[in-house]
């Protein structure tokens, strides 16, 4: 797999001094959960990175519930926890992959070269009887340099043009009842962006909670043409990252993320909403 690696492979890599584990555990319903779990037990030498504090910027009128952070600030944080441009980064969360995927997507955005997601998260690590610790190691700060890279991020204006273009496919990553507008527990307006098709992000995982392989993902996304520009969104730009990586793993070349996602879309009164 391009980005997802097994616990055993991650453990083998951990013996390399350039490997850095980032603990991305987070719960939207309990923002303290991830850090508390990290303090209880984590992969040795792992550093904690918080969805709200480090992987998101300040919430404003537009930009969604988890706007992207300032990239220089993000790079400064990486440097403060001992991550360098040459580090081999392994992101992990509780095993649902969305927070680790958000971290990896930001690493891609700043031009980091070598990074992975621990398939199955720390649960998989523990099931494989690999070591954990409650000891928190403070790493020496390093100067992390922002590198220029081609952006895969789009805004609501690009999305609006996209759903008028037959060569663009818009993918809604939320659960089907939210996509259809039957139930909306978070955002103020129920429904979805016009023309979007629904591919629930959790359907990229198998029955064991591991990321599906390339052939399975190709079958999953088979109705979508590889020739199209694909724009992925979710509620706030977090779970959609899993679908972006899944599409890339399946071989799709022109995939972008609407970072503000549905929560940004509905912040503009002129933007249309569909329900079905």
C-alpha atoms as a PDB file:
ATOM      1  CA  UNK A   1       0.000   0.000   0.000  1.00  0.00           C
ATOM      2  CA  UNK A   2       1.146   3.524  -0.715  1.00  0.00           C
ATOM      3  CA  UNK A   3       0.475   5.035   2.697  1.00  0.00           C
ATOM      4  CA  UNK A   4      -0.938   2.338   4.993  1.00  0.00           C
ATOM      5  CA  UNK A   5       1.489  -0.033   6.706  1.00  0.00           C
ATOM      6  CA  UNK A   6       0.965  -2.929   9.084  1.00  0.00           C
ATOM      7  CA  UNK A   7       1.863  -2.885  12.750  1.00  0.00           C
ATOM      8  CA  UNK A   8       4.683  -5.372  12.191  1.00  0.00           C
ATOM      9  CA  UNK A   9       6.203  -3.253   9.429  1.00  0.00           C
ATOM     10  CA  UNK A  10       5.858  -0.114  11.547  1.00  0.00           C
ATOM     11  CA  UNK A  11       7.608  -1.877  14.424  1.00  0.00           C
ATOM     12  CA  UNK A  12      10.488  -2.865  12.153  1.00  0.00           C
ATOM     13  CA  UNK A  13      10.762   0.715  10.905  1.00  0.00           C
ATOM     14  CA  UNK A  14      10.706   2.025  14.475  1.00  0.00           C
ATOM     15  CA  UNK A  15      14.275   0.804  14.918  1.00  0.00           C
ATOM     16  CA  UNK A  16      15.368   3.464  12.419  1.00  0.00           C
ATOM     17  CA  UNK A  17      16.412   6.638  14.251  1.00  0.00           C
ATOM     18  CA  UNK A  18      14.684   8.796  11.617  1.00  0.00           C
ATOM     19  CA  UNK A  19      11.243   7.321  12.334  1.00  0.00           C
ATOM     20  CA  UNK A  20       8.812   9.537  14.246  1.00  0.00           C
ATOM     21  CA  UNK A  21       5.392   8.354  15.437  1.00  0.00           C
ATOM     22  CA  UNK A  22       2.613  10.932  15.685  1.00  0.00           C
ATOM     23  CA  UNK A  23      -0.295  10.010  17.956  1.00  0.00           C
ATOM     24  CA  UNK A  24      -3.395  11.591  16.351  1.00  0.00           C
ATOM     25  CA  UNK A  25      -6.119  10.127  18.558  1.00  0.00           C
ATOM     26  CA  UNK A  26      -9.125  12.421  18.913  1.00  0.00           C
ATOM     27  CA  UNK A  27     -12.854  12.228  19.631  1.00  0.00           C
ATOM     28  CA  UNK A  28     -15.172  14.986  18.426  1.00  0.00           C
ATOM     29  CA  UNK A  29     -17.544  14.265  21.310  1.00  0.00           C
ATOM     30  CA  UNK A  30     -14.738  14.422  23.865  1.00  0.00           C
ATOM     31  CA  UNK A  31     -11.857  16.641  22.711  1.00  0.00           C
ATOM     32  CA  UNK A  32      -9.737  15.648  25.724  1.00  0.00           C
ATOM     33  CA  UNK A  33      -9.954  11.938  24.871  1.00  0.00           C
ATOM     34  CA  UNK A  34      -6.932  11.680  22.604  1.00  0.00           C
ATOM     35  CA  UNK A  35      -4.489  13.464  24.847  1.00  0.00           C
ATOM     36  CA  UNK A  36      -5.747  11.551  27.907  1.00  0.00           C
ATOM     37  CA  UNK A  37      -5.291   8.229  26.096  1.00  0.00           C
ATOM     38  CA  UNK A  38      -1.837   9.313  24.955  1.00  0.00           C
ATOM     39  CA  UNK A  39      -0.828  10.008  28.558  1.00  0.00           C
ATOM     40  CA  UNK A  40      -2.122   6.584  29.600  1.00  0.00           C
ATOM     41  CA  UNK A  41      -0.402   4.585  26.874  1.00  0.00           C
ATOM     42  CA  UNK A  42       1.222   5.221  23.493  1.00  0.00           C
ATOM     43  CA  UNK A  43       3.836   3.862  21.124  1.00  0.00           C
ATOM     44  CA  UNK A  44       7.310   4.539  22.563  1.00  0.00           C
ATOM     45  CA  UNK A  45       8.708   7.980  21.661  1.00  0.00           C
ATOM     46  CA  UNK A  46       5.440   8.987  19.938  1.00  0.00           C
ATOM     47  CA  UNK A  47       4.497  12.666  20.104  1.00  0.00           C
ATOM     48  CA  UNK A  48       0.906  13.821  20.421  1.00  0.00           C
ATOM     49  CA  UNK A  49      -0.699  16.013  17.763  1.00  0.00           C
ATOM     50  CA  UNK A  50      -4.156  17.445  18.406  1.00  0.00           C
ATOM     51  CA  UNK A  51      -6.856  17.771  15.730  1.00  0.00           C
ATOM     52  CA  UNK A  52      -8.222  21.037  17.111  1.00  0.00           C
ATOM     53  CA  UNK A  53      -4.965  22.632  18.210  1.00  0.00           C
ATOM     54  CA  UNK A  54      -2.453  21.458  15.600  1.00  0.00           C
ATOM     55  CA  UNK A  55      -4.282  20.011  12.595  1.00  0.00           C
ATOM     56  CA  UNK A  56      -6.864  22.824  12.348  1.00  0.00           C
ATOM     57  CA  UNK A  57      -6.896  26.598  12.321  1.00  0.00           C
ATOM     58  CA  UNK A  58      -9.139  29.105  14.047  1.00  0.00           C
ATOM     59  CA  UNK A  59     -12.852  28.809  13.245  1.00  0.00           C
ATOM     60  CA  UNK A  60     -14.218  31.857  11.432  1.00  0.00           C
ATOM     61  CA  UNK A  61     -17.390  32.692   9.500  1.00  0.00           C
ATOM     62  CA  UNK A  62     -16.199  30.644   6.535  1.00  0.00           C
ATOM     63  CA  UNK A  63     -13.765  27.768   6.275  1.00  0.00           C
ATOM     64  CA  UNK A  64     -15.756  25.080   8.047  1.00  0.00           C
ATOM     65  CA  UNK A  65     -15.554  23.473  11.464  1.00  0.00           C
ATOM     66  CA  UNK A  66     -11.952  22.323  10.997  1.00  0.00           C
ATOM     67  CA  UNK A  67     -10.266  24.871   8.716  1.00  0.00           C
ATOM     68  CA  UNK A  68      -6.726  24.105   7.682  1.00  0.00           C
ATOM     69  CA  UNK A  69      -4.061  25.516  10.015  1.00  0.00           C
ATOM     70  CA  UNK A  70      -1.516  28.104   8.955  1.00  0.00           C
ATOM     71  CA  UNK A  71       1.138  25.950   7.305  1.00  0.00           C
ATOM     72  CA  UNK A  72       4.080  27.796   8.827  1.00  0.00           C
ATOM     73  CA  UNK A  73       2.539  27.335  12.283  1.00  0.00           C
ATOM     74  CA  UNK A  74       2.052  23.638  11.551  1.00  0.00           C
ATOM     75  CA  UNK A  75       5.692  23.324  10.480  1.00  0.00           C
ATOM     76  CA  UNK A  76       6.815  25.106  13.646  1.00  0.00           C
ATOM     77  CA  UNK A  77       4.870  22.600  15.741  1.00  0.00           C
ATOM     78  CA  UNK A  78       6.435  19.666  13.918  1.00  0.00           C
ATOM     79  CA  UNK A  79       9.868  21.121  14.593  1.00  0.00           C
ATOM     80  CA  UNK A  80       9.014  21.656  18.258  1.00  0.00           C
ATOM     81  CA  UNK A  81       8.337  17.920  18.716  1.00  0.00           C
ATOM     82  CA  UNK A  82      11.531  16.846  16.968  1.00  0.00           C
ATOM     83  CA  UNK A  83      10.223  16.185  13.466  1.00  0.00           C
ATOM     84  CA  UNK A  84      12.538  17.162  10.616  1.00  0.00           C
ATOM     85  CA  UNK A  85      12.051  17.267   6.856  1.00  0.00           C
ATOM     86  CA  UNK A  86      13.965  13.993   6.665  1.00  0.00           C
ATOM     87  CA  UNK A  87      11.876  12.169   9.284  1.00  0.00           C
ATOM     88  CA  UNK A  88       9.961   9.031   8.362  1.00  0.00           C
ATOM     89  CA  UNK A  89       6.596   9.805   9.923  1.00  0.00           C
ATOM     90  CA  UNK A  90       4.070   7.195  10.989  1.00  0.00           C
ATOM     91  CA  UNK A  91       0.683   8.639  11.959  1.00  0.00           C
ATOM     92  CA  UNK A  92      -1.760   6.642  14.027  1.00  0.00           C
ATOM     93  CA  UNK A  93      -5.060   7.061  15.831  1.00  0.00           C
ATOM     94  CA  UNK A  94      -7.499   4.720  17.547  1.00  0.00           C
ATOM     95  CA  UNK A  95      -7.963   2.694  14.373  1.00  0.00           C
ATOM     96  CA  UNK A  96     -10.625   4.527  12.377  1.00  0.00           C
ATOM     97  CA  UNK A  97      -7.868   6.351  10.460  1.00  0.00           C
ATOM     98  CA  UNK A  98      -9.576   9.712   9.908  1.00  0.00           C
ATOM     99  CA  UNK A  99      -7.393  11.759  12.249  1.00  0.00           C
ATOM    100  CA  UNK A 100      -4.226  10.038  11.075  1.00  0.00           C
ATOM    101  CA  UNK A 101      -5.342  10.660   7.490  1.00  0.00           C
ATOM    102  CA  UNK A 102      -5.888  14.362   8.223  1.00  0.00           C
ATOM    103  CA  UNK A 103      -2.347  14.557   9.605  1.00  0.00           C
ATOM    104  CA  UNK A 104      -0.880  12.767   6.612  1.00  0.00           C
ATOM    105  CA  UNK A 105      -2.748  15.016   4.172  1.00  0.00           C
ATOM    106  CA  UNK A 106      -1.290  18.082   5.879  1.00  0.00           C
ATOM    107  CA  UNK A 107       2.155  16.518   5.660  1.00  0.00           C
ATOM    108  CA  UNK A 108       1.590  16.097   1.941  1.00  0.00           C
ATOM    109  CA  UNK A 109       0.500  19.713   1.717  1.00  0.00           C
ATOM    110  CA  UNK A 110       3.740  20.998   3.242  1.00  0.00           C
ATOM    111  CA  UNK A 111       5.816  18.793   0.963  1.00  0.00           C
ATOM    112  CA  UNK A 112       6.918  16.094   3.404  1.00  0.00           C
ATOM    113  CA  UNK A 113       8.375  13.165   1.525  1.00  0.00           C
ATOM    114  CA  UNK A 114       8.062   9.987   3.593  1.00  0.00           C
ATOM    115  CA  UNK A 115       5.003   9.299   5.730  1.00  0.00           C
ATOM    116  CA  UNK A 116       2.655   6.441   6.525  1.00  0.00           C
ATOM    117  CA  UNK A 117      -0.489   5.594   8.451  1.00  0.00           C
ATOM    118  CA  UNK A 118      -0.488   2.680  10.869  1.00  0.00           C
ATOM    119  CA  UNK A 119      -3.172   0.369   9.490  1.00  0.00           C
ATOM    120  CA  UNK A 120      -5.626  -0.382  12.279  1.00  0.00           C
ATOM    121  CA  UNK A 121      -4.144   2.281  14.526  1.00  0.00           C
ATOM    122  CA  UNK A 122      -2.822   1.657  17.994  1.00  0.00           C
ATOM    123  CA  UNK A 123      -5.419  -1.104  18.419  1.00  0.00           C
ATOM    124  CA  UNK A 124      -3.605  -3.114  15.764  1.00  0.00           C
ATOM    125  CA  UNK A 125      -0.275  -2.378  17.449  1.00  0.00           C
ATOM    126  CA  UNK A 126      -1.578  -3.674  20.778  1.00  0.00           C
ATOM    127  CA  UNK A 127      -3.183  -6.758  19.182  1.00  0.00           C
ATOM    128  CA  UNK A 128       0.233  -7.625  17.780  1.00  0.00           C
ATOM    129  CA  UNK A 129       1.672  -7.482  21.331  1.00  0.00           C
ATOM    130  CA  UNK A 130       4.023  -4.637  20.471  1.00  0.00           C
ATOM    131  CA  UNK A 131       5.394  -2.359  23.196  1.00  0.00           C
ATOM    132  CA  UNK A 132       3.591   0.669  24.589  1.00  0.00           C
ATOM    133  CA  UNK A 133       4.512   3.107  27.329  1.00  0.00           C
ATOM    134  CA  UNK A 134       3.129   5.944  29.437  1.00  0.00           C
ATOM    135  CA  UNK A 135       6.511   7.688  29.461  1.00  0.00           C
ATOM    136  CA  UNK A 136       6.506  10.960  27.537  1.00  0.00           C
ATOM    137  CA  UNK A 137       9.830  11.845  25.960  1.00  0.00           C
ATOM    138  CA  UNK A 138      10.473  15.506  25.224  1.00  0.00           C
ATOM    139  CA  UNK A 139      12.290  15.761  21.888  1.00  0.00           C
ATOM    140  CA  UNK A 140      14.876  18.407  21.059  1.00  0.00           C
ATOM    141  CA  UNK A 141      13.363  21.072  18.776  1.00  0.00           C
ATOM    142  CA  UNK A 142      14.368  21.111  15.110  1.00  0.00           C
ATOM    143  CA  UNK A 143      13.882  23.693  12.379  1.00  0.00           C
ATOM    144  CA  UNK A 144      11.230  22.239  10.044  1.00  0.00           C
ATOM    145  CA  UNK A 145      11.232  23.949   6.634  1.00  0.00           C
ATOM    146  CA  UNK A 146       8.036  24.458   4.642  1.00  0.00           C
ATOM    147  CA  UNK A 147       8.471  23.133   1.122  1.00  0.00           C
ATOM    148  CA  UNK A 148       6.434  24.235  -1.861  1.00  0.00           C
ATOM    149  CA  UNK A 149       4.231  21.512  -3.289  1.00  0.00           C
ATOM    150  CA  UNK A 150       1.366  21.251  -5.723  1.00  0.00           C
ATOM    151  CA  UNK A 151      -1.846  21.852  -3.807  1.00  0.00           C
ATOM    152  CA  UNK A 152      -4.637  19.289  -3.827  1.00  0.00           C
ATOM    153  CA  UNK A 153      -6.924  21.627  -1.854  1.00  0.00           C
ATOM    154  CA  UNK A 154      -9.926  23.400  -3.400  1.00  0.00           C
ATOM    155  CA  UNK A 155     -12.411  25.960  -2.076  1.00  0.00           C
ATOM    156  CA  UNK A 156     -16.178  26.389  -2.455  1.00  0.00           C
ATOM    157  CA  UNK A 157     -15.804  28.409  -5.662  1.00  0.00           C
ATOM    158  CA  UNK A 158     -13.967  25.550  -7.378  1.00  0.00           C
ATOM    159  CA  UNK A 159     -16.613  23.135  -6.107  1.00  0.00           C
ATOM    160  CA  UNK A 160     -19.399  25.333  -7.474  1.00  0.00           C
ATOM    161  CA  UNK A 161     -17.774  25.308 -10.906  1.00  0.00           C
ATOM    162  CA  UNK A 162     -17.119  21.587 -10.617  1.00  0.00           C
ATOM    163  CA  UNK A 163     -20.697  20.462 -10.242  1.00  0.00           C
ATOM    164  CA  UNK A 164     -21.470  22.260 -13.485  1.00  0.00           C
ATOM    165  CA  UNK A 165     -18.702  20.348 -15.261  1.00  0.00           C
ATOM    166  CA  UNK A 166     -19.343  16.831 -16.612  1.00  0.00           C
ATOM    167  CA  UNK A 167     -15.633  16.071 -16.235  1.00  0.00           C
ATOM    168  CA  UNK A 168     -15.735  16.563 -12.462  1.00  0.00           C
ATOM    169  CA  UNK A 169     -17.047  14.058  -9.917  1.00  0.00           C
ATOM    170  CA  UNK A 170     -18.004  15.295  -6.462  1.00  0.00           C
ATOM    171  CA  UNK A 171     -17.873  12.755  -3.625  1.00  0.00           C
ATOM    172  CA  UNK A 172     -19.648  13.163  -0.280  1.00  0.00           C
ATOM    173  CA  UNK A 173     -17.884  11.058   2.355  1.00  0.00           C
ATOM    174  CA  UNK A 174     -20.490  11.267   5.109  1.00  0.00           C
ATOM    175  CA  UNK A 175     -22.902   8.580   6.277  1.00  0.00           C
ATOM    176  CA  UNK A 176     -25.804   8.101   3.855  1.00  0.00           C
ATOM    177  CA  UNK A 177     -28.488   9.453   6.193  1.00  0.00           C
ATOM    178  CA  UNK A 178     -26.573  12.716   6.483  1.00  0.00           C
ATOM    179  CA  UNK A 179     -25.966  12.785   2.732  1.00  0.00           C
ATOM    180  CA  UNK A 180     -29.700  12.355   2.087  1.00  0.00           C
ATOM    181  CA  UNK A 181     -30.532  15.059   4.608  1.00  0.00           C
ATOM    182  CA  UNK A 182     -32.573  12.736   6.817  1.00  0.00           C
ATOM    183  CA  UNK A 183     -30.414  13.337   9.891  1.00  0.00           C
ATOM    184  CA  UNK A 184     -27.889  16.063  10.665  1.00  0.00           C
ATOM    185  CA  UNK A 185     -26.395  15.971  14.170  1.00  0.00           C
ATOM    186  CA  UNK A 186     -23.707  18.634  13.697  1.00  0.00           C
ATOM    187  CA  UNK A 187     -24.282  21.181  10.946  1.00  0.00           C
ATOM    188  CA  UNK A 188     -27.113  23.726  10.854  1.00  0.00           C
ATOM    189  CA  UNK A 189     -28.531  22.668   7.483  1.00  0.00           C
ATOM    190  CA  UNK A 190     -29.152  19.083   6.366  1.00  0.00           C
ATOM    191  CA  UNK A 191     -28.470  17.817   2.851  1.00  0.00           C
ATOM    192  CA  UNK A 192     -25.564  17.655   0.420  1.00  0.00           C
ATOM    193  CA  UNK A 193     -23.858  19.651  -2.307  1.00  0.00           C
ATOM    194  CA  UNK A 194     -25.682  19.332  -5.649  1.00  0.00           C
ATOM    195  CA  UNK A 195     -24.558  16.467  -7.970  1.00  0.00           C
ATOM    196  CA  UNK A 196     -22.469  14.810  -5.235  1.00  0.00           C
ATOM    197  CA  UNK A 197     -22.455  11.028  -5.023  1.00  0.00           C
ATOM    198  CA  UNK A 198     -22.183   9.275  -1.678  1.00  0.00           C
ATOM    199  CA  UNK A 199     -19.223   7.075  -0.701  1.00  0.00           C
ATOM    200  CA  UNK A 200     -19.227   6.691   3.085  1.00  0.00           C
ATOM    201  CA  UNK A 201     -15.605   6.877   4.227  1.00  0.00           C
ATOM    202  CA  UNK A 202     -15.875   3.913   6.605  1.00  0.00           C
ATOM    203  CA  UNK A 203     -16.631   1.650   3.645  1.00  0.00           C
ATOM    204  CA  UNK A 204     -12.924   1.857   2.745  1.00  0.00           C
ATOM    205  CA  UNK A 205     -12.276  -0.380   5.765  1.00  0.00           C
ATOM    206  CA  UNK A 206     -12.774  -4.136   5.948  1.00  0.00           C
ATOM    207  CA  UNK A 207     -14.608  -6.103   8.636  1.00  0.00           C
ATOM    208  CA  UNK A 208     -11.483  -6.124  10.798  1.00  0.00           C
ATOM    209  CA  UNK A 209     -11.214  -2.344  10.685  1.00  0.00           C
ATOM    210  CA  UNK A 210      -8.184  -2.384   8.410  1.00  0.00           C
ATOM    211  CA  UNK A 211      -7.816  -0.380   5.232  1.00  0.00           C
ATOM    212  CA  UNK A 212      -8.914  -2.376   2.191  1.00  0.00           C
ATOM    213  CA  UNK A 213      -6.357  -3.429  -0.386  1.00  0.00           C
ATOM    214  CA  UNK A 214      -5.957  -1.885  -3.822  1.00  0.00           C
ATOM    215  CA  UNK A 215      -8.136  -4.386  -5.684  1.00  0.00           C
ATOM    216  CA  UNK A 216     -10.966  -4.050  -3.149  1.00  0.00           C
ATOM    217  CA  UNK A 217     -10.810  -0.267  -3.368  1.00  0.00           C
ATOM    218  CA  UNK A 218     -10.820  -0.344  -7.157  1.00  0.00           C
ATOM    219  CA  UNK A 219     -14.004  -2.401  -7.016  1.00  0.00           C
ATOM    220  CA  UNK A 220     -15.499  -0.062  -4.413  1.00  0.00           C
ATOM    221  CA  UNK A 221     -14.935   3.021  -6.577  1.00  0.00           C
ATOM    222  CA  UNK A 222     -15.491   1.291  -9.937  1.00  0.00           C
ATOM    223  CA  UNK A 223     -18.515   3.460 -10.943  1.00  0.00           C
ATOM    224  CA  UNK A 224     -16.209   6.503 -10.967  1.00  0.00           C
ATOM    225  CA  UNK A 225     -14.214   7.177 -14.124  1.00  0.00           C
ATOM    226  CA  UNK A 226     -10.466   7.525 -13.656  1.00  0.00           C
ATOM    227  CA  UNK A 227     -10.489  10.242 -16.313  1.00  0.00           C
ATOM    228  CA  UNK A 228     -12.498  12.657 -14.175  1.00  0.00           C
ATOM    229  CA  UNK A 229     -11.360  15.329 -11.772  1.00  0.00           C
ATOM    230  CA  UNK A 230     -12.515  14.132  -8.350  1.00  0.00           C
ATOM    231  CA  UNK A 231     -13.323  16.477  -5.481  1.00  0.00           C
ATOM    232  CA  UNK A 232     -13.902  14.859  -2.078  1.00  0.00           C
ATOM    233  CA  UNK A 233     -15.659  16.444   0.876  1.00  0.00           C
ATOM    234  CA  UNK A 234     -17.168  15.417   4.208  1.00  0.00           C
ATOM    235  CA  UNK A 235     -18.525  17.442   7.117  1.00  0.00           C
ATOM    236  CA  UNK A 236     -15.426  19.431   8.005  1.00  0.00           C
ATOM    237  CA  UNK A 237     -12.512  18.104   5.949  1.00  0.00           C
ATOM    238  CA  UNK A 238     -11.348  15.302   8.261  1.00  0.00           C
ATOM    239  CA  UNK A 239     -13.041  12.000   7.350  1.00  0.00           C
ATOM    240  CA  UNK A 240     -12.915  12.968   3.670  1.00  0.00           C
ATOM    241  CA  UNK A 241      -9.137  12.566   3.896  1.00  0.00           C
ATOM    242  CA  UNK A 242      -9.654   8.803   4.218  1.00  0.00           C
ATOM    243  CA  UNK A 243     -11.541   8.728   0.916  1.00  0.00           C
ATOM    244  CA  UNK A 244      -8.846  10.837  -0.757  1.00  0.00           C
ATOM    245  CA  UNK A 245      -6.156   8.348   0.261  1.00  0.00           C
ATOM    246  CA  UNK A 246      -8.402   5.414  -0.698  1.00  0.00           C
ATOM    247  CA  UNK A 247      -8.937   6.853  -4.174  1.00  0.00           C
ATOM    248  CA  UNK A 248      -5.209   7.396  -4.590  1.00  0.00           C
ATOM    249  CA  UNK A 249      -4.548   3.841  -3.448  1.00  0.00           C
ATOM    250  CA  UNK A 250      -7.075   2.635  -6.032  1.00  0.00           C
ATOM    251  CA  UNK A 251      -5.101   4.424  -8.743  1.00  0.00           C
ATOM    252  CA  UNK A 252      -7.063   7.642  -9.234  1.00  0.00           C
ATOM    253  CA  UNK A 253      -4.699  10.433 -10.264  1.00  0.00           C
ATOM    254  CA  UNK A 254      -6.771  13.602 -10.141  1.00  0.00           C
ATOM    255  CA  UNK A 255      -8.142  13.714  -6.601  1.00  0.00           C
ATOM    256  CA  UNK A 256      -8.573  16.879  -4.547  1.00  0.00           C
ATOM    257  CA  UNK A 257     -10.011  17.700  -1.137  1.00  0.00           C
ATOM    258  CA  UNK A 258     -12.569  20.397  -0.455  1.00  0.00           C
ATOM    259  CA  UNK A 259     -10.979  21.256   2.869  1.00  0.00           C
ATOM    260  CA  UNK A 260     -13.828  23.365   4.257  1.00  0.00           C
ATOM    261  CA  UNK A 261     -16.292  20.694   3.165  1.00  0.00           C
ATOM    262  CA  UNK A 262     -20.034  20.777   3.862  1.00  0.00           C
ATOM    263  CA  UNK A 263     -19.734  22.996   6.949  1.00  0.00           C
ATOM    264  CA  UNK A 264     -18.007  25.628   4.805  1.00  0.00           C
ATOM    265  CA  UNK A 265     -20.444  25.177   1.910  1.00  0.00           C
ATOM    266  CA  UNK A 266     -23.503  25.992   4.004  1.00  0.00           C
ATOM    267  CA  UNK A 267     -21.817  29.117   5.418  1.00  0.00           C
ATOM    268  CA  UNK A 268     -22.524  30.800   2.069  1.00  0.00           C
ATOM    269  CA  UNK A 269     -26.236  31.560   1.767  1.00  0.00           C
ATOM    270  CA  UNK A 270     -26.107  31.536  -2.033  1.00  0.00           C
ATOM    271  CA  UNK A 271     -24.890  27.917  -2.212  1.00  0.00           C
ATOM    272  CA  UNK A 272     -27.557  25.388  -3.183  1.00  0.00           C
ATOM    273  CA  UNK A 273     -28.394  22.301  -1.087  1.00  0.00           C
ATOM    274  CA  UNK A 274     -29.955  19.030  -2.257  1.00  0.00           C
ATOM    275  CA  UNK A 275     -31.786  16.356  -0.280  1.00  0.00           C
ATOM    276  CA  UNK A 276     -32.708  12.882  -1.410  1.00  0.00           C
END
